[in-house]
C-alpha atoms as a PDB file:
ATOM      1  CA  MET A   1    -302.150 -36.780-187.349  1.00  0.00           C
ATOM      2  CA  THR A   2    -299.998 -36.800-184.226  1.00  0.00           C
ATOM      3  CA  VAL A   3    -301.384 -38.342-181.071  1.00  0.00           C
ATOM      4  CA  THR A   4    -300.096 -36.946-177.817  1.00  0.00           C
ATOM      5  CA  THR A   5    -300.397 -38.695-174.507  1.00  0.00           C
ATOM      6  CA  THR A   6    -300.229 -37.217-171.077  1.00  0.00           C
ATOM      7  CA  THR A   7    -298.076 -38.682-168.330  1.00  0.00           C
ATOM      8  CA  THR A   8    -299.693 -36.951-165.433  1.00  0.00           C
ATOM      9  CA  GLY A   9    -302.178 -39.633-164.542  1.00  0.00           C
ATOM     10  CA  PRO A  10    -302.151 -41.696-161.354  1.00  0.00           C
ATOM     11  CA  ALA A  11    -300.673 -44.728-163.152  1.00  0.00           C
ATOM     12  CA  PHE A  12    -297.506 -42.777-164.009  1.00  0.00           C
ATOM     13  CA  GLN A  13    -297.284 -41.083-160.625  1.00  0.00           C
ATOM     14  CA  ASP A  14    -297.159 -44.487-158.905  1.00  0.00           C
ATOM     15  CA  ARG A  15    -294.018 -45.402-160.887  1.00  0.00           C
ATOM     16  CA  ARG A  16    -291.898 -42.759-159.165  1.00  0.00           C
ATOM     17  CA  PRO A  17    -289.427 -44.293-156.707  1.00  0.00           C
ATOM     18  CA  SER A  18    -290.411 -43.974-153.070  1.00  0.00           C
ATOM     19  CA  ARG A  19    -288.102 -41.973-150.832  1.00  0.00           C
ATOM     20  CA  ARG A  20    -289.442 -43.310-147.566  1.00  0.00           C
ATOM     21  CA  VAL A  21    -286.860 -44.769-145.212  1.00  0.00           C
ATOM     22  CA  PRO A  22    -287.497 -48.457-144.459  1.00  0.00           C
ATOM     23  CA  THR A  23    -288.861 -49.186-141.002  1.00  0.00           C
ATOM     24  CA  ALA A  24    -285.990 -51.551-140.190  1.00  0.00           C
ATOM     25  CA  ARG A  25    -283.477 -48.795-140.869  1.00  0.00           C
ATOM     26  CA  LEU A  26    -285.361 -46.359-138.646  1.00  0.00           C
ATOM     27  CA  VAL A  27    -285.331 -48.924-135.838  1.00  0.00           C
ATOM     28  CA  LEU A  28    -281.592 -49.444-136.327  1.00  0.00           C
ATOM     29  CA  TYR A  29    -280.891 -45.705-136.250  1.00  0.00           C
ATOM     30  CA  GLY A  30    -283.019 -45.337-133.141  1.00  0.00           C
ATOM     31  CA  ALA A  31    -281.153 -48.147-131.379  1.00  0.00           C
ATOM     32  CA  LEU A  32    -277.798 -46.588-132.319  1.00  0.00           C
ATOM     33  CA  VAL A  33    -278.867 -43.198-130.996  1.00  0.00           C
ATOM     34  CA  LEU A  34    -280.018 -44.752-127.711  1.00  0.00           C
ATOM     35  CA  GLY A  35    -276.736 -46.613-127.423  1.00  0.00           C
ATOM     36  CA  LEU A  36    -274.800 -43.413-128.067  1.00  0.00           C
ATOM     37  CA  LEU A  37    -276.774 -41.518-125.429  1.00  0.00           C
ATOM     38  CA  ALA A  38    -276.267 -44.329-122.904  1.00  0.00           C
ATOM     39  CA  THR A  39    -272.516 -44.240-123.588  1.00  0.00           C
ATOM     40  CA  LEU A  40    -272.197 -40.461-123.337  1.00  0.00           C
ATOM     41  CA  ALA A  41    -274.440 -40.028-120.285  1.00  0.00           C
ATOM     42  CA  PRO A  42    -271.776 -40.931-117.660  1.00  0.00           C
ATOM     43  CA  PHE A  43    -269.254 -38.605-119.299  1.00  0.00           C
ATOM     44  CA  ALA A  44    -271.802 -35.785-119.434  1.00  0.00           C
ATOM     45  CA  TRP A  45    -272.600 -36.312-115.753  1.00  0.00           C
ATOM     46  CA  MET A  46    -268.883 -36.290-114.932  1.00  0.00           C
ATOM     47  CA  PHE A  47    -268.159 -33.027-116.781  1.00  0.00           C
ATOM     48  CA  LEU A  48    -271.269 -31.278-115.434  1.00  0.00           C
ATOM     49  CA  GLY A  49    -270.706 -32.575-111.912  1.00  0.00           C
ATOM     50  CA  SER A  50    -267.133 -31.307-111.870  1.00  0.00           C
ATOM     51  CA  VAL A  51    -268.427 -27.703-111.886  1.00  0.00           C
ATOM     52  CA  LYS A  52    -271.076 -28.283-109.208  1.00  0.00           C
ATOM     53  CA  PRO A  53    -270.680 -27.541-105.502  1.00  0.00           C
ATOM     54  CA  THR A  54    -270.576 -30.651-103.330  1.00  0.00           C
ATOM     55  CA  GLY A  55    -274.051 -29.857-101.986  1.00  0.00           C
ATOM     56  CA  GLU A  56    -275.565 -30.030-105.471  1.00  0.00           C
ATOM     57  CA  ILE A  57    -273.799 -33.292-106.289  1.00  0.00           C
ATOM     58  CA  VAL A  58    -275.196 -35.149-103.265  1.00  0.00           C
ATOM     59  CA  ALA A  59    -278.591 -33.399-103.286  1.00  0.00           C
ATOM     60  CA  HIS A  60    -281.773 -35.454-103.785  1.00  0.00           C
ATOM     61  CA  PRO A  61    -283.317 -35.120-106.229  1.00  0.00           C
ATOM     62  CA  SER A  62    -280.278 -34.129-108.249  1.00  0.00           C
ATOM     63  CA  SER A  63    -280.241 -32.142-111.486  1.00  0.00           C
ATOM     64  CA  TRP A  64    -278.132 -32.545-114.590  1.00  0.00           C
ATOM     65  CA  LEU A  65    -277.367 -28.859-115.068  1.00  0.00           C
ATOM     66  CA  PRO A  66    -275.470 -27.063-112.281  1.00  0.00           C
ATOM     67  CA  ARG A  67    -277.517 -24.388-110.535  1.00  0.00           C
ATOM     68  CA  SER A  68    -274.435 -22.519-109.303  1.00  0.00           C
ATOM     69  CA  PRO A  69    -271.505 -23.393-111.590  1.00  0.00           C
ATOM     70  CA  THR A  70    -268.115 -23.100-109.940  1.00  0.00           C
ATOM     71  CA  PHE A  71    -264.516 -24.058-110.667  1.00  0.00           C
ATOM     72  CA  ALA A  72    -263.722 -24.449-106.982  1.00  0.00           C
ATOM     73  CA  ASN A  73    -263.239 -28.180-107.428  1.00  0.00           C
ATOM     74  CA  PHE A  74    -260.527 -27.643-110.030  1.00  0.00           C
ATOM     75  CA  GLU A  75    -258.928 -24.910-107.924  1.00  0.00           C
ATOM     76  CA  GLN A  76    -258.843 -27.271-104.968  1.00  0.00           C
ATOM     77  CA  LEU A  77    -257.434 -30.041-107.128  1.00  0.00           C
ATOM     78  CA  LEU A  78    -254.665 -27.856-108.562  1.00  0.00           C
ATOM     79  CA  SER A  79    -253.823 -26.502-105.122  1.00  0.00           C
ATOM     80  CA  LYS A  80    -253.198 -29.978-103.801  1.00  0.00           C
ATOM     81  CA  GLN A  81    -249.563 -30.595-102.947  1.00  0.00           C
ATOM     82  CA  ASN A  82    -247.447 -31.842-105.872  1.00  0.00           C
ATOM     83  CA  PHE A  83    -250.371 -32.178-108.313  1.00  0.00           C
ATOM     84  CA  GLY A  84    -248.072 -31.075-111.134  1.00  0.00           C
ATOM     85  CA  LEU A  85    -245.616 -33.812-110.146  1.00  0.00           C
ATOM     86  CA  TYR A  86    -248.364 -36.449-110.207  1.00  0.00           C
ATOM     87  CA  PHE A  87    -249.396 -35.327-113.677  1.00  0.00           C
ATOM     88  CA  LEU A  88    -245.770 -35.426-114.820  1.00  0.00           C
ATOM     89  CA  ASN A  89    -245.325 -38.918-113.372  1.00  0.00           C
ATOM     90  CA  SER A  90    -248.385 -40.233-115.216  1.00  0.00           C
ATOM     91  CA  THR A  91    -247.199 -38.619-118.453  1.00  0.00           C
ATOM     92  CA  LEU A  92    -243.685 -40.024-118.075  1.00  0.00           C
ATOM     93  CA  VAL A  93    -244.883 -43.564-117.363  1.00  0.00           C
ATOM     94  CA  ALA A  94    -247.520 -43.579-120.112  1.00  0.00           C
ATOM     95  CA  VAL A  95    -245.276 -42.065-122.805  1.00  0.00           C
ATOM     96  CA  ALA A  96    -242.347 -44.358-121.948  1.00  0.00           C
ATOM     97  CA  CYS A  97    -244.588 -47.435-122.116  1.00  0.00           C
ATOM     98  CA  VAL A  98    -246.074 -46.272-125.425  1.00  0.00           C
ATOM     99  CA  LEU A  99    -242.638 -45.759-126.993  1.00  0.00           C
ATOM    100  CA  GLY A 100    -241.401 -49.092-125.686  1.00  0.00           C
ATOM    101  CA  ASN A 101    -244.420 -50.955-127.050  1.00  0.00           C
ATOM    102  CA  LEU A 102    -244.209 -49.234-130.429  1.00  0.00           C
ATOM    103  CA  LEU A 103    -240.565 -50.265-130.792  1.00  0.00           C
ATOM    104  CA  PHE A 104    -240.376 -53.709-129.226  1.00  0.00           C
ATOM    105  CA  CYS A 105    -243.821 -54.981-130.235  1.00  0.00           C
ATOM    106  CA  SER A 106    -243.307 -53.915-133.846  1.00  0.00           C
ATOM    107  CA  MET A 107    -239.884 -55.618-133.889  1.00  0.00           C
ATOM    108  CA  ALA A 108    -241.335 -58.829-132.479  1.00  0.00           C
ATOM    109  CA  GLY A 109    -244.310 -58.615-134.829  1.00  0.00           C
ATOM    110  CA  TYR A 110    -241.994 -58.254-137.820  1.00  0.00           C
ATOM    111  CA  ALA A 111    -239.965 -61.277-136.725  1.00  0.00           C
ATOM    112  CA  PHE A 112    -243.061 -63.443-136.284  1.00  0.00           C
ATOM    113  CA  ALA A 113    -244.605 -62.299-139.570  1.00  0.00           C
ATOM    114  CA  LYS A 114    -241.702 -62.136-142.041  1.00  0.00           C
ATOM    115  CA  ILE A 115    -238.686 -64.026-140.658  1.00  0.00           C
ATOM    116  CA  GLU A 116    -238.343 -67.799-140.507  1.00  0.00           C
ATOM    117  CA  PHE A 117    -236.450 -69.150-137.495  1.00  0.00           C
ATOM    118  CA  ALA A 118    -236.441 -72.261-135.343  1.00  0.00           C
ATOM    119  CA  GLY A 119    -239.171 -72.363-132.731  1.00  0.00           C
ATOM    120  CA  LYS A 120    -241.215 -69.592-134.347  1.00  0.00           C
ATOM    121  CA  ARG A 121    -244.576 -71.357-133.970  1.00  0.00           C
ATOM    122  CA  LEU A 122    -243.819 -72.378-130.394  1.00  0.00           C
ATOM    123  CA  LEU A 123    -242.842 -68.853-129.347  1.00  0.00           C
ATOM    124  CA  PHE A 124    -245.888 -67.289-130.967  1.00  0.00           C
ATOM    125  CA  GLY A 125    -248.039 -69.930-129.293  1.00  0.00           C
ATOM    126  CA  LEU A 126    -246.590 -68.806-125.958  1.00  0.00           C
ATOM    127  CA  VAL A 127    -247.509 -65.211-126.818  1.00  0.00           C
ATOM    128  CA  LEU A 128    -251.092 -66.261-127.534  1.00  0.00           C
ATOM    129  CA  THR A 129    -251.149 -68.237-124.286  1.00  0.00           C
ATOM    130  CA  MET A 130    -250.092 -65.150-122.352  1.00  0.00           C
ATOM    131  CA  LEU A 131    -253.065 -63.299-123.834  1.00  0.00           C
ATOM    132  CA  ILE A 132    -255.562 -65.596-122.113  1.00  0.00           C
ATOM    133  CA  ILE A 133    -253.823 -65.577-118.705  1.00  0.00           C
ATOM    134  CA  PRO A 134    -255.418 -62.979-116.368  1.00  0.00           C
ATOM    135  CA  GLY A 135    -252.974 -60.292-115.348  1.00  0.00           C
ATOM    136  CA  VAL A 136    -253.890 -60.669-111.671  1.00  0.00           C
ATOM    137  CA  THR A 137    -252.349 -64.156-111.636  1.00  0.00           C
ATOM    138  CA  THR A 138    -248.918 -62.756-112.518  1.00  0.00           C
ATOM    139  CA  PHE A 139    -249.176 -59.686-110.291  1.00  0.00           C
ATOM    140  CA  VAL A 140    -247.510 -61.139-107.195  1.00  0.00           C
ATOM    141  CA  PRO A 141    -244.654 -62.905-109.060  1.00  0.00           C
ATOM    142  CA  LEU A 142    -244.030 -59.729-111.040  1.00  0.00           C
ATOM    143  CA  PHE A 143    -243.941 -57.648-107.855  1.00  0.00           C
ATOM    144  CA  VAL A 144    -241.481 -60.072-106.232  1.00  0.00           C
ATOM    145  CA  LEU A 145    -239.279 -60.029-109.334  1.00  0.00           C
ATOM    146  CA  VAL A 146    -239.222 -56.229-109.559  1.00  0.00           C
ATOM    147  CA  SER A 147    -238.541 -55.912-105.830  1.00  0.00           C
ATOM    148  CA  ASN A 148    -235.662 -58.418-105.979  1.00  0.00           C
ATOM    149  CA  MET A 149    -234.154 -56.348-108.782  1.00  0.00           C
ATOM    150  CA  GLY A 150    -234.160 -53.339-106.464  1.00  0.00           C
ATOM    151  CA  LEU A 151    -236.613 -51.381-108.621  1.00  0.00           C
ATOM    152  CA  GLY A 152    -239.276 -50.782-105.984  1.00  0.00           C
ATOM    153  CA  ASN A 153    -240.390 -47.160-105.603  1.00  0.00           C
ATOM    154  CA  SER A 154    -238.683 -46.108-108.838  1.00  0.00           C
ATOM    155  CA  TYR A 155    -239.735 -44.918-112.270  1.00  0.00           C
ATOM    156  CA  LEU A 156    -238.029 -47.916-113.846  1.00  0.00           C
ATOM    157  CA  GLY A 157    -240.128 -50.213-111.677  1.00  0.00           C
ATOM    158  CA  LEU A 158    -243.276 -48.462-112.901  1.00  0.00           C
ATOM    159  CA  ILE A 159    -242.264 -48.661-116.558  1.00  0.00           C
ATOM    160  CA  LEU A 160    -240.167 -51.791-117.142  1.00  0.00           C
ATOM    161  CA  PRO A 161    -242.890 -54.482-116.752  1.00  0.00           C
ATOM    162  CA  PHE A 162    -245.034 -52.809-119.436  1.00  0.00           C
ATOM    163  CA  LEU A 163    -242.454 -51.917-122.090  1.00  0.00           C
ATOM    164  CA  VAL A 164    -243.696 -54.828-124.219  1.00  0.00           C
ATOM    165  CA  THR A 165    -247.034 -56.645-124.034  1.00  0.00           C
ATOM    166  CA  PRO A 166    -248.326 -59.842-125.690  1.00  0.00           C
ATOM    167  CA  PHE A 167    -251.342 -57.954-127.007  1.00  0.00           C
ATOM    168  CA  GLY A 168    -249.086 -55.422-128.725  1.00  0.00           C
ATOM    169  CA  VAL A 169    -247.018 -58.200-130.312  1.00  0.00           C
ATOM    170  CA  PHE A 170    -250.206 -59.844-131.580  1.00  0.00           C
ATOM    171  CA  ILE A 171    -251.544 -56.616-133.099  1.00  0.00           C
ATOM    172  CA  MET A 172    -248.314 -55.838-134.927  1.00  0.00           C
ATOM    173  CA  ARG A 173    -247.853 -59.394-136.146  1.00  0.00           C
ATOM    174  CA  GLN A 174    -251.367 -59.501-137.580  1.00  0.00           C
ATOM    175  CA  PHE A 175    -250.889 -56.212-139.418  1.00  0.00           C
ATOM    176  CA  ILE A 176    -247.361 -56.888-140.719  1.00  0.00           C
ATOM    177  CA  ARG A 177    -248.408 -60.335-141.951  1.00  0.00           C
ATOM    178  CA  ASP A 178    -250.710 -58.671-144.512  1.00  0.00           C
ATOM    179  CA  ILE A 179    -247.857 -56.605-146.003  1.00  0.00           C
ATOM    180  CA  PRO A 180    -246.875 -58.252-149.323  1.00  0.00           C
ATOM    181  CA  ASP A 181    -243.828 -60.487-149.051  1.00  0.00           C
ATOM    182  CA  ALA A 182    -242.670 -59.149-152.417  1.00  0.00           C
ATOM    183  CA  LEU A 183    -241.740 -55.814-150.801  1.00  0.00           C
ATOM    184  CA  VAL A 184    -239.540 -57.528-148.229  1.00  0.00           C
ATOM    185  CA  GLU A 185    -237.948 -59.851-150.782  1.00  0.00           C
ATOM    186  CA  ALA A 186    -237.217 -56.947-153.146  1.00  0.00           C
ATOM    187  CA  ALA A 187    -235.470 -55.092-150.337  1.00  0.00           C
ATOM    188  CA  ARG A 188    -233.413 -58.172-149.501  1.00  0.00           C
ATOM    189  CA  LEU A 189    -232.399 -58.581-153.143  1.00  0.00           C
ATOM    190  CA  ASP A 190    -231.208 -54.962-153.094  1.00  0.00           C
ATOM    191  CA  GLY A 191    -228.894 -55.847-150.227  1.00  0.00           C
ATOM    192  CA  ALA A 192    -230.874 -54.340-147.364  1.00  0.00           C
ATOM    193  CA  GLY A 193    -230.453 -55.943-143.956  1.00  0.00           C
ATOM    194  CA  GLU A 194    -233.314 -56.866-141.661  1.00  0.00           C
ATOM    195  CA  SER A 195    -232.931 -53.718-139.570  1.00  0.00           C
ATOM    196  CA  ARG A 196    -233.048 -51.496-142.645  1.00  0.00           C
ATOM    197  CA  ILE A 197    -236.037 -53.374-144.033  1.00  0.00           C
ATOM    198  CA  PHE A 198    -237.799 -52.941-140.712  1.00  0.00           C
ATOM    199  CA  LEU A 199    -237.090 -49.220-140.472  1.00  0.00           C
ATOM    200  CA  ARG A 200    -237.477 -48.211-144.123  1.00  0.00           C
ATOM    201  CA  VAL A 201    -240.137 -50.625-145.438  1.00  0.00           C
ATOM    202  CA  ILE A 202    -242.196 -52.059-142.594  1.00  0.00           C
ATOM    203  CA  LEU A 203    -242.606 -49.167-140.153  1.00  0.00           C
ATOM    204  CA  PRO A 204    -243.895 -46.606-142.710  1.00  0.00           C
ATOM    205  CA  LEU A 205    -246.603 -49.088-143.751  1.00  0.00           C
ATOM    206  CA  THR A 206    -247.749 -49.868-140.213  1.00  0.00           C
ATOM    207  CA  ARG A 207    -248.915 -46.410-139.130  1.00  0.00           C
ATOM    208  CA  PRO A 208    -252.541 -47.483-138.523  1.00  0.00           C
ATOM    209  CA  ALA A 209    -251.425 -50.387-136.338  1.00  0.00           C
ATOM    210  CA  LEU A 210    -248.925 -48.180-134.511  1.00  0.00           C
ATOM    211  CA  ALA A 211    -251.625 -45.577-133.834  1.00  0.00           C
ATOM    212  CA  THR A 212    -253.954 -48.290-132.520  1.00  0.00           C
ATOM    213  CA  LEU A 213    -251.255 -49.698-130.260  1.00  0.00           C
ATOM    214  CA  ALA A 214    -250.297 -46.216-129.046  1.00  0.00           C
ATOM    215  CA  ILE A 215    -253.866 -45.361-128.015  1.00  0.00           C
ATOM    216  CA  LEU A 216    -254.513 -48.689-126.293  1.00  0.00           C
ATOM    217  CA  THR A 217    -251.184 -48.626-124.456  1.00  0.00           C
ATOM    218  CA  PHE A 218    -251.553 -45.010-123.380  1.00  0.00           C
ATOM    219  CA  LEU A 219    -255.080 -45.706-122.161  1.00  0.00           C
ATOM    220  CA  ALA A 220    -253.989 -48.734-120.134  1.00  0.00           C
ATOM    221  CA  GLN A 221    -250.982 -47.049-118.511  1.00  0.00           C
ATOM    222  CA  TRP A 222    -252.612 -43.675-117.930  1.00  0.00           C
ATOM    223  CA  ASN A 223    -255.444 -45.386-116.027  1.00  0.00           C
ATOM    224  CA  ASN A 224    -253.250 -47.992-114.338  1.00  0.00           C
ATOM    225  CA  PHE A 225    -253.957 -47.915-110.610  1.00  0.00           C
ATOM    226  CA  LEU A 226    -253.044 -51.160-108.860  1.00  0.00           C
ATOM    227  CA  TRP A 227    -249.422 -51.476-110.005  1.00  0.00           C
ATOM    228  CA  PRO A 228    -248.407 -47.851-109.224  1.00  0.00           C
ATOM    229  CA  LEU A 229    -250.241 -48.142-105.890  1.00  0.00           C
ATOM    230  CA  VAL A 230    -248.041 -51.105-104.906  1.00  0.00           C
ATOM    231  CA  ILE A 231    -244.723 -49.995-106.425  1.00  0.00           C
ATOM    232  CA  ALA A 232    -244.847 -46.273-105.611  1.00  0.00           C
ATOM    233  CA  GLN A 233    -244.254 -46.125-101.871  1.00  0.00           C
ATOM    234  CA  THR A 234    -243.649 -42.373-101.592  1.00  0.00           C
ATOM    235  CA  GLU A 235    -245.634 -39.427-102.911  1.00  0.00           C
ATOM    236  CA  ASP A 236    -242.926 -38.307-105.312  1.00  0.00           C
ATOM    237  CA  HIS A 237    -243.636 -41.414-107.452  1.00  0.00           C
ATOM    238  CA  TYR A 238    -247.449 -41.298-107.302  1.00  0.00           C
ATOM    239  CA  THR A 239    -249.357 -41.208-110.579  1.00  0.00           C
ATOM    240  CA  LEU A 240    -252.654 -39.372-111.066  1.00  0.00           C
ATOM    241  CA  PRO A 241    -255.022 -42.300-110.360  1.00  0.00           C
ATOM    242  CA  VAL A 242    -253.193 -43.145-107.129  1.00  0.00           C
ATOM    243  CA  ALA A 243    -253.001 -39.541-105.955  1.00  0.00           C
ATOM    244  CA  LEU A 244    -256.632 -38.921-106.868  1.00  0.00           C
ATOM    245  CA  ALA A 245    -257.827 -41.974-104.955  1.00  0.00           C
ATOM    246  CA  LEU A 246    -255.844 -41.016-101.857  1.00  0.00           C
ATOM    247  CA  PHE A 247    -256.608 -37.302-101.760  1.00  0.00           C
ATOM    248  CA  SER A 248    -260.280 -37.350-102.783  1.00  0.00           C
ATOM    249  CA  THR A 249    -261.237 -39.208 -99.595  1.00  0.00           C
ATOM    250  CA  GLY A 250    -261.121 -37.254 -96.384  1.00  0.00           C
ATOM    251  CA  ALA A 251    -261.930 -37.908 -92.740  1.00  0.00           C
ATOM    252  CA  ASN A 252    -265.573 -36.913 -93.236  1.00  0.00           C
ATOM    253  CA  GLY A 253    -266.161 -38.971 -96.385  1.00  0.00           C
ATOM    254  CA  THR A 254    -265.551 -38.800-100.097  1.00  0.00           C
ATOM    255  CA  ASN A 255    -265.141 -35.400-101.718  1.00  0.00           C
ATOM    256  CA  TYR A 256    -267.212 -36.043-104.846  1.00  0.00           C
ATOM    257  CA  GLY A 257    -266.539 -32.655-106.382  1.00  0.00           C
ATOM    258  CA  LEU A 258    -262.785 -33.185-106.146  1.00  0.00           C
ATOM    259  CA  LEU A 259    -263.171 -36.728-107.430  1.00  0.00           C
ATOM    260  CA  LEU A 260    -265.136 -35.607-110.504  1.00  0.00           C
ATOM    261  CA  ALA A 261    -262.689 -32.784-111.228  1.00  0.00           C
ATOM    262  CA  GLY A 262    -259.829 -35.281-111.035  1.00  0.00           C
ATOM    263  CA  ALA A 263    -261.681 -37.677-113.330  1.00  0.00           C
ATOM    264  CA  VAL A 264    -262.079 -34.902-115.913  1.00  0.00           C
ATOM    265  CA  THR A 265    -258.351 -34.162-115.635  1.00  0.00           C
ATOM    266  CA  VAL A 266    -257.495 -37.832-116.168  1.00  0.00           C
ATOM    267  CA  VAL A 267    -259.928 -38.403-119.060  1.00  0.00           C
ATOM    268  CA  THR A 268    -259.191 -35.245-121.080  1.00  0.00           C
ATOM    269  CA  PRO A 269    -255.726 -36.286-122.419  1.00  0.00           C
ATOM    270  CA  ILE A 270    -257.160 -39.638-123.527  1.00  0.00           C
ATOM    271  CA  ILE A 271    -259.986 -37.958-125.443  1.00  0.00           C
ATOM    272  CA  LEU A 272    -257.563 -35.541-127.128  1.00  0.00           C
ATOM    273  CA  LEU A 273    -255.243 -38.414-128.107  1.00  0.00           C
ATOM    274  CA  PHE A 274    -258.099 -40.387-129.599  1.00  0.00           C
ATOM    275  CA  LEU A 275    -259.395 -37.403-131.563  1.00  0.00           C
ATOM    276  CA  ALA A 276    -255.911 -36.843-132.973  1.00  0.00           C
ATOM    277  CA  LEU A 277    -255.419 -40.487-134.018  1.00  0.00           C
ATOM    278  CA  GLN A 278    -258.974 -41.721-134.551  1.00  0.00           C
ATOM    279  CA  ARG A 279    -258.631 -42.159-138.331  1.00  0.00           C
ATOM    280  CA  HIS A 280    -255.569 -44.385-137.955  1.00  0.00           C
ATOM    281  CA  PHE A 281    -257.112 -46.131-134.943  1.00  0.00           C
ATOM    282  CA  ILE A 282    -260.244 -47.191-136.823  1.00  0.00           C
ATOM    283  CA  GLN A 283    -258.188 -48.336-139.818  1.00  0.00           C
ATOM    284  CA  GLY A 284    -255.828 -50.276-137.565  1.00  0.00           C
ATOM    285  CA  ILE A 285    -258.692 -52.038-135.768  1.00  0.00           C
ATOM    286  CA  ALA A 286    -260.242 -53.037-139.110  1.00  0.00           C
ATOM    287  CA  ASN A 287    -256.985 -54.269-140.640  1.00  0.00           C
ATOM    288  CA  THR A 288    -255.804 -56.311-137.662  1.00  0.00           C
ATOM    289  CA  GLY A 289    -259.111 -58.128-137.346  1.00  0.00           C
ATOM    290  CA  ILE A 290    -259.774 -57.201-133.703  1.00  0.00           C
ATOM    291  CA  LYS A 291    -263.384 -57.808-132.747  1.00  0.00           C
END
């Protein structure tokens, strides 16, 4: 005689795995969402405020959503004298600094990571020392040096001091150091010189680090205000942050609508660049150990 048992009782139902999310994880997700909202709130206010009339921006109490959306702020911004030139100046300075850092910082990083030479530790120690020195302490000496070279009020004066940075050298050195030495030694055994090894072996493997350095350099130079303000003495060399700061303030006070429209114009290229390179940027940050 066959005995059958049922498995529908409460004892068997209790053995099913629970699908409830742990409380700690819910708290973590909630904290992350709040942090995300706190980060995005200023950007949302900036984008929404850029299409508000000035009266709505300064009204109390204010509202998030514009009651009478308008693009008058952008029209006023684009109608400003030489706005296209200011945008071109910012693009020229930022792109030139990015290209210079990608080339020179990667070359220096390769030398510090894979080439043995006298004074290597001392020189890299100087690079690390420069990382902890505030930039404001070298501002005046740098200005005097550039002025004595006759580069004041010139594109070269805007670009030259930032063609290579200690931070960029550090990033590239940290990334290149993790590339196996066997690849470099194999190329040397095949008769390749250091320049060929750098161009054919090292650079193709450092794309995440290069993308990270490109974004950080572009961000720093695109938003750079103090140095262009001092070096650019005529309007034909103004960059966007300088022009925006000068033209958004009138005799009767600050034009907040124009200021927000200019901020949107300045921020948009940075957001697009990050979206295009975000995969490489995240990988580069993880691989170089930046915290």
